[in-house]
C-alpha atoms as a PDB file:
ATOM      1  CA  MET A   1      -0.233 -15.613  15.520  1.00  0.00           C
ATOM      2  CA  ASP A   2      -2.673 -18.098  16.461  1.00  0.00           C
ATOM      3  CA  ILE A   3      -4.836 -16.841  18.509  1.00  0.00           C
ATOM      4  CA  ALA A   4      -6.694 -20.528  19.317  1.00  0.00           C
ATOM      5  CA  HIS A   5      -3.492 -19.845  21.869  1.00  0.00           C
ATOM      6  CA  LEU A   6      -4.687 -17.047  23.540  1.00  0.00           C
ATOM      7  CA  SER A   7      -6.624 -18.159  26.926  1.00  0.00           C
ATOM      8  CA  LEU A   8      -9.397 -15.250  26.090  1.00  0.00           C
ATOM      9  CA  PRO A   9      -9.320 -13.350  22.394  1.00  0.00           C
ATOM     10  CA  LEU A  10      -8.402 -10.152  23.953  1.00  0.00           C
ATOM     11  CA  ILE A  11      -5.635  -7.147  23.489  1.00  0.00           C
ATOM     12  CA  ALA A  12      -4.883  -5.430  26.012  1.00  0.00           C
ATOM     13  CA  SER A  13      -4.933  -2.202  24.309  1.00  0.00           C
ATOM     14  CA  PRO A  14      -2.175   0.017  24.219  1.00  0.00           C
ATOM     15  CA  MET A  15      -3.012   3.251  26.073  1.00  0.00           C
ATOM     16  CA  PHE A  16      -0.507   6.781  25.881  1.00  0.00           C
ATOM     17  CA  LEU A  17       0.702   7.622  28.760  1.00  0.00           C
ATOM     18  CA  VAL A  18      -1.168   4.319  30.905  1.00  0.00           C
ATOM     19  CA  SER A  19       0.383   1.197  29.565  1.00  0.00           C
ATOM     20  CA  GLY A  20       3.778  -0.415  30.789  1.00  0.00           C
ATOM     21  CA  PRO A  21       5.698  -2.783  31.294  1.00  0.00           C
ATOM     22  CA  GLU A  22       3.896  -4.465  34.651  1.00  0.00           C
ATOM     23  CA  LEU A  23       0.580  -4.747  32.610  1.00  0.00           C
ATOM     24  CA  VAL A  24       2.034  -6.030  29.270  1.00  0.00           C
ATOM     25  CA  VAL A  25       3.520  -8.862  31.020  1.00  0.00           C
ATOM     26  CA  ALA A  26       0.710  -9.323  33.188  1.00  0.00           C
ATOM     27  CA  ALA A  27      -1.601  -9.380  30.356  1.00  0.00           C
ATOM     28  CA  CYS A  28       0.682 -11.733  28.108  1.00  0.00           C
ATOM     29  CA  ARG A  29       1.419 -14.268  31.575  1.00  0.00           C
ATOM     30  CA  SER A  30      -2.953 -14.515  31.764  1.00  0.00           C
ATOM     31  CA  GLY A  31      -2.973 -15.281  28.387  1.00  0.00           C
ATOM     32  CA  VAL A  32      -3.866 -12.026  26.220  1.00  0.00           C
ATOM     33  CA  ILE A  33      -1.912  -9.729  24.129  1.00  0.00           C
ATOM     34  CA  GLY A  34      -0.406  -6.894  26.094  1.00  0.00           C
ATOM     35  CA  ALA A  35       0.035  -4.057  24.197  1.00  0.00           C
ATOM     36  CA  PHE A  36       2.273  -0.422  25.030  1.00  0.00           C
ATOM     37  CA  PRO A  37       2.656   2.458  22.566  1.00  0.00           C
ATOM     38  CA  ALA A  38       6.499   3.129  21.985  1.00  0.00           C
ATOM     39  CA  LEU A  39       6.041   6.665  22.778  1.00  0.00           C
ATOM     40  CA  ASN A  40       5.397   5.753  26.282  1.00  0.00           C
ATOM     41  CA  ARG A  41       9.218   6.507  26.552  1.00  0.00           C
ATOM     42  CA  ARG A  42      10.933   9.632  26.181  1.00  0.00           C
ATOM     43  CA  SER A  43      13.737   7.850  23.746  1.00  0.00           C
ATOM     44  CA  THR A  44      14.347   4.949  21.477  1.00  0.00           C
ATOM     45  CA  ALA A  45      16.766   3.843  24.002  1.00  0.00           C
ATOM     46  CA  GLU A  46      14.338   3.921  26.474  1.00  0.00           C
ATOM     47  CA  TYR A  47      11.664   2.172  24.518  1.00  0.00           C
ATOM     48  CA  GLU A  48      14.220  -0.781  23.982  1.00  0.00           C
ATOM     49  CA  GLU A  49      15.050  -0.379  27.564  1.00  0.00           C
ATOM     50  CA  TRP A  50      11.082  -1.333  28.147  1.00  0.00           C
ATOM     51  CA  LEU A  51      11.094  -4.033  25.097  1.00  0.00           C
ATOM     52  CA  GLU A  52      14.017  -6.021  27.208  1.00  0.00           C
ATOM     53  CA  GLN A  53      12.282  -6.008  30.469  1.00  0.00           C
ATOM     54  CA  ILE A  54       8.782  -6.849  28.637  1.00  0.00           C
ATOM     55  CA  GLU A  55      10.766 -10.116  27.376  1.00  0.00           C
ATOM     56  CA  ARG A  56      12.302 -10.681  30.596  1.00  0.00           C
ATOM     57  CA  GLY A  57       9.072 -10.758  32.592  1.00  0.00           C
ATOM     58  CA  CYS A  58       7.454 -12.704  29.625  1.00  0.00           C
ATOM     59  CA  ASN A  59      10.343 -15.916  29.944  1.00  0.00           C
ATOM     60  CA  ASP A  60       8.427 -16.474  33.404  1.00  0.00           C
ATOM     61  CA  GLY A  61       5.805 -18.217  31.559  1.00  0.00           C
ATOM     62  CA  PRO A  62       1.865 -18.245  32.173  1.00  0.00           C
ATOM     63  CA  VAL A  63       0.270 -17.434  35.615  1.00  0.00           C
ATOM     64  CA  ASP A  64      -1.416 -20.736  37.281  1.00  0.00           C
ATOM     65  CA  GLY A  65      -4.964 -21.815  35.524  1.00  0.00           C
ATOM     66  CA  VAL A  66      -3.633 -20.343  31.989  1.00  0.00           C
ATOM     67  CA  ALA A  67      -1.841 -22.573  29.525  1.00  0.00           C
ATOM     68  CA  ALA A  68      -0.001 -20.438  27.139  1.00  0.00           C
ATOM     69  CA  ILE A  69       1.597 -17.217  27.160  1.00  0.00           C
ATOM     70  CA  ALA A  70       0.375 -14.581  24.678  1.00  0.00           C
ATOM     71  CA  PRO A  71       2.621 -12.109  22.245  1.00  0.00           C
ATOM     72  CA  HIS A  72       2.945  -8.920  23.230  1.00  0.00           C
ATOM     73  CA  ALA A  73       2.524  -5.896  21.096  1.00  0.00           C
ATOM     74  CA  VAL A  74       3.583  -2.315  20.343  1.00  0.00           C
ATOM     75  CA  ASN A  75       1.804   0.698  19.424  1.00  0.00           C
ATOM     76  CA  LEU A  76       3.526   2.817  16.736  1.00  0.00           C
ATOM     77  CA  ILE A  77       2.246   5.581  15.162  1.00  0.00           C
ATOM     78  CA  VAL A  78       2.972   6.496  12.235  1.00  0.00           C
ATOM     79  CA  HIS A  79       2.426   9.940  11.388  1.00  0.00           C
ATOM     80  CA  ARG A  80       4.733  12.343   9.664  1.00  0.00           C
ATOM     81  CA  THR A  81       5.247  14.207  12.621  1.00  0.00           C
ATOM     82  CA  ASN A  82       6.180  11.559  14.760  1.00  0.00           C
ATOM     83  CA  PRO A  83      10.398  12.093  14.585  1.00  0.00           C
ATOM     84  CA  ARG A  84      11.230   8.583  16.030  1.00  0.00           C
ATOM     85  CA  LEU A  85       9.059   6.171  14.008  1.00  0.00           C
ATOM     86  CA  ASN A  86      12.208   5.457  12.249  1.00  0.00           C
ATOM     87  CA  ALA A  87      14.527   4.977  15.048  1.00  0.00           C
ATOM     88  CA  ASP A  88      11.440   3.178  16.961  1.00  0.00           C
ATOM     89  CA  LEU A  89      10.957   0.665  14.296  1.00  0.00           C
ATOM     90  CA  GLU A  90      14.223  -0.162  13.675  1.00  0.00           C
ATOM     91  CA  ILE A  91      14.529  -1.364  17.483  1.00  0.00           C
ATOM     92  CA  THR A  92      11.026  -2.979  16.502  1.00  0.00           C
ATOM     93  CA  VAL A  93      12.757  -5.163  14.051  1.00  0.00           C
ATOM     94  CA  LYS A  94      15.879  -5.871  16.200  1.00  0.00           C
ATOM     95  CA  HIS A  95      13.140  -7.442  18.851  1.00  0.00           C
ATOM     96  CA  ARG A  96      11.066  -9.240  16.498  1.00  0.00           C
ATOM     97  CA  VAL A  97       8.390  -7.970  18.437  1.00  0.00           C
ATOM     98  CA  PRO A  98       5.283 -10.138  17.628  1.00  0.00           C
ATOM     99  CA  VAL A  99       2.677  -7.625  17.231  1.00  0.00           C
ATOM    100  CA  VAL A 100       2.601  -3.979  16.072  1.00  0.00           C
ATOM    101  CA  ILE A 101      -0.130  -1.815  16.365  1.00  0.00           C
ATOM    102  CA  THR A 102      -0.327   0.765  13.963  1.00  0.00           C
ATOM    103  CA  SER A 103      -1.627   4.304  14.406  1.00  0.00           C
ATOM    104  CA  LEU A 104      -2.483   7.352  12.372  1.00  0.00           C
ATOM    105  CA  GLY A 105      -1.142   6.081   8.883  1.00  0.00           C
ATOM    106  CA  ALA A 106      -0.772   2.635   7.247  1.00  0.00           C
ATOM    107  CA  VAL A 107       2.532   3.097   5.642  1.00  0.00           C
ATOM    108  CA  ARG A 108       3.880  -0.302   2.986  1.00  0.00           C
ATOM    109  CA  ASP A 109       7.379   0.424   4.484  1.00  0.00           C
ATOM    110  CA  VAL A 110       6.460  -0.199   8.145  1.00  0.00           C
ATOM    111  CA  VAL A 111       4.301  -3.078   7.146  1.00  0.00           C
ATOM    112  CA  ALA A 112       6.899  -4.725   5.275  1.00  0.00           C
ATOM    113  CA  ALA A 113       9.950  -4.215   7.947  1.00  0.00           C
ATOM    114  CA  VAL A 114       7.283  -6.109  10.597  1.00  0.00           C
ATOM    115  CA  GLN A 115       6.412  -8.767   7.943  1.00  0.00           C
ATOM    116  CA  SER A 116      10.537  -9.237   7.734  1.00  0.00           C
ATOM    117  CA  TYR A 117      10.525 -11.268  10.596  1.00  0.00           C
ATOM    118  CA  GLY A 118       7.218 -12.753  11.143  1.00  0.00           C
ATOM    119  CA  GLY A 119       5.202  -9.909  12.765  1.00  0.00           C
ATOM    120  CA  ILE A 120       2.077  -9.062  11.905  1.00  0.00           C
ATOM    121  CA  VAL A 121       0.393  -5.545  11.448  1.00  0.00           C
ATOM    122  CA  LEU A 122      -3.093  -4.617  12.973  1.00  0.00           C
ATOM    123  CA  HIS A 123      -3.988  -0.920  12.249  1.00  0.00           C
ATOM    124  CA  ASP A 124      -6.147   0.842  13.717  1.00  0.00           C
ATOM    125  CA  VAL A 125      -9.764   2.314  11.421  1.00  0.00           C
ATOM    126  CA  THR A 126     -12.200   4.109  12.639  1.00  0.00           C
ATOM    127  CA  SER A 127     -14.286   3.577   9.151  1.00  0.00           C
ATOM    128  CA  ALA A 128     -14.214   1.051   6.088  1.00  0.00           C
ATOM    129  CA  ARG A 129     -12.703   3.663   4.037  1.00  0.00           C
ATOM    130  CA  HIS A 130      -9.613   3.647   6.621  1.00  0.00           C
ATOM    131  CA  GLY A 131      -9.740   0.014   6.284  1.00  0.00           C
ATOM    132  CA  GLU A 132      -9.701  -0.023   2.483  1.00  0.00           C
ATOM    133  CA  LYS A 133      -6.111   2.074   2.380  1.00  0.00           C
ATOM    134  CA  ALA A 134      -5.058   0.160   5.258  1.00  0.00           C
ATOM    135  CA  LEU A 135      -5.222  -3.289   3.112  1.00  0.00           C
ATOM    136  CA  LYS A 136      -3.889  -2.011   0.794  1.00  0.00           C
ATOM    137  CA  ALA A 137      -0.541  -1.360   2.547  1.00  0.00           C
ATOM    138  CA  GLY A 138      -0.728  -5.047   3.324  1.00  0.00           C
ATOM    139  CA  VAL A 139      -1.617  -4.654   6.956  1.00  0.00           C
ATOM    140  CA  ASP A 140      -2.406  -8.478   8.380  1.00  0.00           C
ATOM    141  CA  GLY A 141      -5.733  -7.342  10.653  1.00  0.00           C
ATOM    142  CA  LEU A 142      -7.889  -4.767  11.545  1.00  0.00           C
ATOM    143  CA  ILE A 143      -8.798  -2.626  14.704  1.00  0.00           C
ATOM    144  CA  ALA A 144     -12.126  -1.332  14.904  1.00  0.00           C
ATOM    145  CA  VAL A 145     -11.957   1.421  17.164  1.00  0.00           C
ATOM    146  CA  SER A 146     -15.485   1.724  17.337  1.00  0.00           C
ATOM    147  CA  ALA A 147     -17.830   4.612  19.148  1.00  0.00           C
ATOM    148  CA  GLY A 148     -17.884   4.512  22.462  1.00  0.00           C
ATOM    149  CA  ALA A 149     -13.730   3.614  22.481  1.00  0.00           C
ATOM    150  CA  GLY A 150     -11.168   5.494  25.307  1.00  0.00           C
ATOM    151  CA  GLY A 151      -8.754   7.743  23.452  1.00  0.00           C
ATOM    152  CA  HIS A 152      -9.140   8.304  19.512  1.00  0.00           C
ATOM    153  CA  GLY A 153     -12.302   6.446  19.457  1.00  0.00           C
ATOM    154  CA  GLY A 154     -14.707   6.751  16.146  1.00  0.00           C
ATOM    155  CA  THR A 155     -17.844   7.400  15.862  1.00  0.00           C
ATOM    156  CA  LEU A 156     -19.346   3.855  13.823  1.00  0.00           C
ATOM    157  CA  ASN A 157     -22.043   1.575  15.560  1.00  0.00           C
ATOM    158  CA  PRO A 158     -19.679  -1.287  16.120  1.00  0.00           C
ATOM    159  CA  PHE A 159     -22.170  -3.377  14.802  1.00  0.00           C
ATOM    160  CA  ALA A 160     -21.558  -1.415  11.199  1.00  0.00           C
ATOM    161  CA  LEU A 161     -18.297  -1.154  11.304  1.00  0.00           C
ATOM    162  CA  VAL A 162     -17.637  -4.538  12.116  1.00  0.00           C
ATOM    163  CA  GLY A 163     -20.410  -5.693   9.114  1.00  0.00           C
ATOM    164  CA  GLU A 164     -18.369  -3.108   6.415  1.00  0.00           C
ATOM    165  CA  LEU A 165     -14.964  -4.044   7.673  1.00  0.00           C
ATOM    166  CA  ARG A 166     -15.789  -8.124   7.192  1.00  0.00           C
ATOM    167  CA  ARG A 167     -17.306  -7.700   3.744  1.00  0.00           C
ATOM    168  CA  LEU A 168     -13.381  -5.836   2.857  1.00  0.00           C
ATOM    169  CA  THR A 169     -11.119  -8.433   4.388  1.00  0.00           C
ATOM    170  CA  ASP A 170     -11.302 -11.963   5.844  1.00  0.00           C
ATOM    171  CA  LYS A 171      -8.336 -11.143   7.921  1.00  0.00           C
ATOM    172  CA  LEU A 172      -7.948 -10.673  11.829  1.00  0.00           C
ATOM    173  CA  ILE A 173     -10.407  -8.119  12.621  1.00  0.00           C
ATOM    174  CA  ALA A 174     -10.677  -6.780  16.424  1.00  0.00           C
ATOM    175  CA  LEU A 175     -13.492  -4.441  18.106  1.00  0.00           C
ATOM    176  CA  GLY A 176     -12.966  -1.919  20.733  1.00  0.00           C
ATOM    177  CA  GLY A 177     -15.355   0.541  22.443  1.00  0.00           C
ATOM    178  CA  ALA A 178     -16.775  -0.190  25.805  1.00  0.00           C
ATOM    179  CA  VAL A 179     -15.165  -3.557  26.117  1.00  0.00           C
ATOM    180  CA  SER A 180     -15.436  -4.153  29.927  1.00  0.00           C
ATOM    181  CA  THR A 181     -16.917  -7.598  30.747  1.00  0.00           C
ATOM    182  CA  GLY A 182     -16.159 -11.197  29.342  1.00  0.00           C
ATOM    183  CA  GLY A 183     -20.015 -10.878  27.415  1.00  0.00           C
ATOM    184  CA  HIS A 184     -18.331  -8.039  25.321  1.00  0.00           C
ATOM    185  CA  ILE A 185     -15.887 -10.090  24.058  1.00  0.00           C
ATOM    186  CA  ALA A 186     -18.090 -12.958  23.311  1.00  0.00           C
ATOM    187  CA  ALA A 187     -20.731  -9.982  21.563  1.00  0.00           C
ATOM    188  CA  ALA A 188     -17.382  -9.046  19.305  1.00  0.00           C
ATOM    189  CA  LEU A 189     -17.280 -12.124  17.919  1.00  0.00           C
ATOM    190  CA  ALA A 190     -20.711 -12.955  17.501  1.00  0.00           C
ATOM    191  CA  MET A 191     -20.545  -9.902  15.457  1.00  0.00           C
ATOM    192  CA  GLY A 192     -18.033 -11.090  13.042  1.00  0.00           C
ATOM    193  CA  ALA A 193     -14.528 -10.168  14.453  1.00  0.00           C
ATOM    194  CA  ASP A 194     -11.869 -12.201  15.451  1.00  0.00           C
ATOM    195  CA  LEU A 195     -10.653 -10.594  19.108  1.00  0.00           C
ATOM    196  CA  ALA A 196     -11.788  -8.138  21.132  1.00  0.00           C
ATOM    197  CA  CYS A 197      -9.925  -4.853  22.312  1.00  0.00           C
ATOM    198  CA  ALA A 198      -9.922  -3.387  26.482  1.00  0.00           C
ATOM    199  CA  GLY A 199      -8.353  -0.224  27.097  1.00  0.00           C
ATOM    200  CA  THR A 200     -10.437   1.637  29.891  1.00  0.00           C
ATOM    201  CA  ARG A 201     -10.836  -1.137  32.074  1.00  0.00           C
ATOM    202  CA  PHE A 202      -6.934  -2.310  32.095  1.00  0.00           C
ATOM    203  CA  ILE A 203      -6.416   1.231  33.072  1.00  0.00           C
ATOM    204  CA  ALA A 204      -8.680   0.512  36.611  1.00  0.00           C
ATOM    205  CA  THR A 205      -5.914  -2.276  37.390  1.00  0.00           C
ATOM    206  CA  ARG A 206      -3.418  -2.384  39.585  1.00  0.00           C
ATOM    207  CA  GLU A 207      -0.545  -2.916  37.205  1.00  0.00           C
ATOM    208  CA  SER A 208      -1.604   0.130  35.072  1.00  0.00           C
ATOM    209  CA  MET A 209       0.408   3.665  35.495  1.00  0.00           C
ATOM    210  CA  ALA A 210      -2.488   5.570  36.099  1.00  0.00           C
ATOM    211  CA  SER A 211      -2.241   7.895  38.922  1.00  0.00           C
ATOM    212  CA  PRO A 212      -4.518   6.580  41.861  1.00  0.00           C
ATOM    213  CA  ALA A 213      -6.898  10.017  41.329  1.00  0.00           C
ATOM    214  CA  TYR A 214      -7.446   8.809  37.454  1.00  0.00           C
ATOM    215  CA  LYS A 215      -8.323   5.156  38.734  1.00  0.00           C
ATOM    216  CA  ALA A 216     -10.792   6.869  41.600  1.00  0.00           C
ATOM    217  CA  MET A 217     -12.199   9.129  38.658  1.00  0.00           C
ATOM    218  CA  LEU A 218     -12.544   6.120  36.244  1.00  0.00           C
ATOM    219  CA  LEU A 219     -14.625   4.794  39.530  1.00  0.00           C
ATOM    220  CA  GLU A 220     -17.358   7.043  39.944  1.00  0.00           C
ATOM    221  CA  ALA A 221     -18.122   7.696  36.145  1.00  0.00           C
ATOM    222  CA  GLY A 222     -20.511   6.610  33.981  1.00  0.00           C
ATOM    223  CA  ALA A 223     -20.775   6.648  30.215  1.00  0.00           C
ATOM    224  CA  ASP A 224     -22.847  10.404  30.688  1.00  0.00           C
ATOM    225  CA  ASP A 225     -19.529  11.533  32.001  1.00  0.00           C
ATOM    226  CA  ILE A 226     -17.551  10.351  28.869  1.00  0.00           C
ATOM    227  CA  VAL A 227     -16.902  13.867  26.497  1.00  0.00           C
ATOM    228  CA  TYR A 228     -16.402  13.228  22.621  1.00  0.00           C
ATOM    229  CA  THR A 229     -13.981  16.209  21.417  1.00  0.00           C
ATOM    230  CA  PRO A 230     -10.610  17.425  19.458  1.00  0.00           C
ATOM    231  CA  LYS A 231      -9.854  20.305  21.254  1.00  0.00           C
ATOM    232  CA  ILE A 232      -7.788  18.467  23.840  1.00  0.00           C
ATOM    233  CA  SER A 233      -5.709  16.727  21.806  1.00  0.00           C
ATOM    234  CA  GLY A 234      -6.101  17.997  18.384  1.00  0.00           C
ATOM    235  CA  ILE A 235      -7.817  14.387  17.143  1.00  0.00           C
ATOM    236  CA  ASN A 236     -11.720  13.661  18.761  1.00  0.00           C
ATOM    237  CA  ALA A 237     -11.063  11.736  21.649  1.00  0.00           C
ATOM    238  CA  ASN A 238     -12.730  10.276  24.510  1.00  0.00           C
ATOM    239  CA  PHE A 239     -11.881  12.245  27.880  1.00  0.00           C
ATOM    240  CA  ILE A 240     -14.000  11.962  31.314  1.00  0.00           C
ATOM    241  CA  ALA A 241     -15.426  15.371  31.855  1.00  0.00           C
ATOM    242  CA  GLN A 242     -14.600  15.856  35.574  1.00  0.00           C
ATOM    243  CA  SER A 243     -11.023  16.004  34.688  1.00  0.00           C
ATOM    244  CA  ILE A 244     -11.319  18.939  32.202  1.00  0.00           C
ATOM    245  CA  ARG A 245     -13.450  20.930  34.705  1.00  0.00           C
ATOM    246  CA  ASP A 246     -10.188  20.020  37.059  1.00  0.00           C
ATOM    247  CA  ASN A 247      -7.836  21.552  35.246  1.00  0.00           C
ATOM    248  CA  GLY A 248      -9.876  24.929  34.835  1.00  0.00           C
ATOM    249  CA  LEU A 249     -11.023  24.338  31.326  1.00  0.00           C
ATOM    250  CA  ASP A 250     -14.093  24.795  29.872  1.00  0.00           C
ATOM    251  CA  LEU A 251     -15.057  23.382  26.313  1.00  0.00           C
ATOM    252  CA  ALA A 252     -17.738  25.755  25.133  1.00  0.00           C
ATOM    253  CA  THR A 253     -15.064  28.525  25.591  1.00  0.00           C
ATOM    254  CA  LEU A 254     -11.622  26.866  24.528  1.00  0.00           C
ATOM    255  CA  PRO A 255     -10.321  27.506  21.409  1.00  0.00           C
ATOM    256  CA  ALA A 256      -9.762  24.615  18.880  1.00  0.00           C
ATOM    257  CA  HIS A 257      -6.486  22.775  19.023  1.00  0.00           C
ATOM    258  CA  ASP A 258      -3.745  23.087  16.500  1.00  0.00           C
ATOM    259  CA  VAL A 259      -3.125  20.295  13.942  1.00  0.00           C
ATOM    260  CA  VAL A 260      -1.744  17.415  15.370  1.00  0.00           C
ATOM    261  CA  ASP A 261       1.849  17.514  16.781  1.00  0.00           C
ATOM    262  CA  MET A 262       3.582  14.398  17.824  1.00  0.00           C
ATOM    263  CA  GLU A 263       6.469  16.254  18.829  1.00  0.00           C
ATOM    264  CA  THR A 264       4.902  18.054  21.071  1.00  0.00           C
ATOM    265  CA  GLU A 265       3.119  15.276  22.354  1.00  0.00           C
ATOM    266  CA  LEU A 266       6.428  13.374  22.825  1.00  0.00           C
ATOM    267  CA  ASN A 267       7.668  16.716  24.869  1.00  0.00           C
ATOM    268  CA  GLN A 268       4.654  16.102  26.695  1.00  0.00           C
ATOM    269  CA  THR A 269       4.458  19.925  27.092  1.00  0.00           C
ATOM    270  CA  SER A 270       0.335  19.580  26.858  1.00  0.00           C
ATOM    271  CA  ARG A 271      -1.718  19.080  29.537  1.00  0.00           C
ATOM    272  CA  ALA A 272      -3.788  16.436  26.662  1.00  0.00           C
ATOM    273  CA  TRP A 273      -3.149  12.493  28.235  1.00  0.00           C
ATOM    274  CA  LYS A 274      -1.080  13.999  31.111  1.00  0.00           C
ATOM    275  CA  ASP A 275      -3.638  15.963  33.391  1.00  0.00           C
ATOM    276  CA  ILE A 276      -6.741  15.562  31.245  1.00  0.00           C
ATOM    277  CA  TRP A 277      -7.740  12.039  31.291  1.00  0.00           C
ATOM    278  CA  SER A 278      -9.250   9.630  28.538  1.00  0.00           C
ATOM    279  CA  ALA A 279     -12.092   6.713  28.768  1.00  0.00           C
ATOM    280  CA  GLY A 280     -14.572   5.066  27.162  1.00  0.00           C
ATOM    281  CA  HIS A 281     -18.509   4.281  27.417  1.00  0.00           C
ATOM    282  CA  GLY A 282     -17.567   1.598  29.512  1.00  0.00           C
ATOM    283  CA  VAL A 283     -16.622   3.408  32.427  1.00  0.00           C
ATOM    284  CA  GLY A 284     -19.809   2.618  34.097  1.00  0.00           C
ATOM    285  CA  LEU A 285     -19.060  -1.247  34.770  1.00  0.00           C
ATOM    286  CA  ILE A 286     -16.014  -0.765  36.072  1.00  0.00           C
ATOM    287  CA  HIS A 287     -15.816  -0.495  40.146  1.00  0.00           C
ATOM    288  CA  ASP A 288     -12.685  -2.401  41.373  1.00  0.00           C
ATOM    289  CA  VAL A 289      -8.918  -2.166  40.779  1.00  0.00           C
ATOM    290  CA  PRO A 290      -8.006  -5.705  40.904  1.00  0.00           C
ATOM    291  CA  THR A 291      -4.662  -6.975  39.675  1.00  0.00           C
ATOM    292  CA  VAL A 292      -4.811  -7.630  35.998  1.00  0.00           C
ATOM    293  CA  ALA A 293      -4.616 -11.575  36.423  1.00  0.00           C
ATOM    294  CA  GLU A 294      -7.657 -11.579  38.288  1.00  0.00           C
ATOM    295  CA  LEU A 295      -9.033  -9.132  35.895  1.00  0.00           C
ATOM    296  CA  CYS A 296      -8.066 -11.720  33.094  1.00  0.00           C
ATOM    297  CA  ALA A 297      -9.911 -14.842  34.820  1.00  0.00           C
ATOM    298  CA  ARG A 298     -13.094 -12.875  35.658  1.00  0.00           C
ATOM    299  CA  LEU A 299     -13.445 -12.106  32.080  1.00  0.00           C
ATOM    300  CA  ARG A 300     -12.501 -15.766  31.336  1.00  0.00           C
ATOM    301  CA  THR A 301     -15.367 -16.621  33.452  1.00  0.00           C
ATOM    302  CA  GLU A 302     -18.016 -14.239  32.477  1.00  0.00           C
ATOM    303  CA  TYR A 303     -17.033 -15.078  28.234  1.00  0.00           C
ATOM    304  CA  ARG A 304     -17.319 -18.895  29.291  1.00  0.00           C
ATOM    305  CA  GLU A 305     -20.947 -18.341  30.882  1.00  0.00           C
ATOM    306  CA  THR A 306     -22.331 -16.199  28.305  1.00  0.00           C
ATOM    307  CA  ILE A 307     -20.966 -18.468  25.383  1.00  0.00           C
ATOM    308  CA  GLU A 308     -22.701 -21.153  27.868  1.00  0.00           C
ATOM    309  CA  ARG A 309     -25.897 -19.586  27.697  1.00  0.00           C
ATOM    310  CA  LEU A 310     -26.024 -18.297  24.280  1.00  0.00           C
ATOM    311  CA  TYR A 311     -25.816 -21.777  23.310  1.00  0.00           C
ATOM    312  CA  VAL A 312     -28.854 -23.111  25.603  1.00  0.00           C
ATOM    313  CA  ARG A 313     -30.586 -20.362  23.400  1.00  0.00           C
ATOM    314  CA  ALA A 314     -29.429 -21.501  20.398  1.00  0.00           C
ATOM    315  CA  GLN A 315     -30.765 -24.950  21.128  1.00  0.00           C
ATOM    316  CA  ASN A 316     -34.143 -23.657  21.500  1.00  0.00           C
ATOM    317  CA  CYS A 317     -34.121 -22.494  18.458  1.00  0.00           C
ATOM    318  CA  ARG A 318     -34.293 -25.469  16.468  1.00  0.00           C
END
């Protein structure tokens, strides 16, 4: 994948029950990588229907002002409890999905299957140890999920995490965690990443599948309103505290969640993600609900302005 052809070095992160074809196509047509989780559909057949819809939408080409359409990406949960992995992987290979983001496990066979048709695999990691394991599995790059990321965020400072991962490899590194502005994208590159990942910022767009109530709560929240807990999904993740309270739950008395089970998540018998809403620490910088195209245009402007400002500062350092 040639990231030089992107209008911004950015991935619109795959978000459970939030990212769908409309958001993905809008992101790709705006020149940034649009991604969605395969498990956002209830069956492999429905997953394939979404891929076909995305392929058709991307045939329309880039929006005005963008030179080239960006590739789309799919998130596959590589966990022993995901009963759909093999079937979803088969469809992924059939449609030659350009970018596959793997989570909760790096498996050499999955990586090889994607690479067999020229696709690339980026793997979510929260530590250097996880990065080493993923690289041994042959992945093409790493997504550094740092502290403050929505969903299953890590706990490490992004400077530390990217620095340790960069010492391991010269492959692609993408940084996620509270990325909300074009300046943040520039900062990710300054610390050694090749790309940034923004999730929460794309929840508050017109094309996201988030409910109006979810988007409204996001606009009202600040970083202090985000709680990091394993009690909702079985794995530590960031959620909006108000959505937990609105569901009559008290984290102080809530028992520990059972071990993660993707089959339960597929059946959506849990309120996690569906009624209890995730967000990252960047919520305090989100104040509107633009279209994806409008948001990406704004991010491009902020990114260029940041680079230009830093260039001037660098000249003064001579």
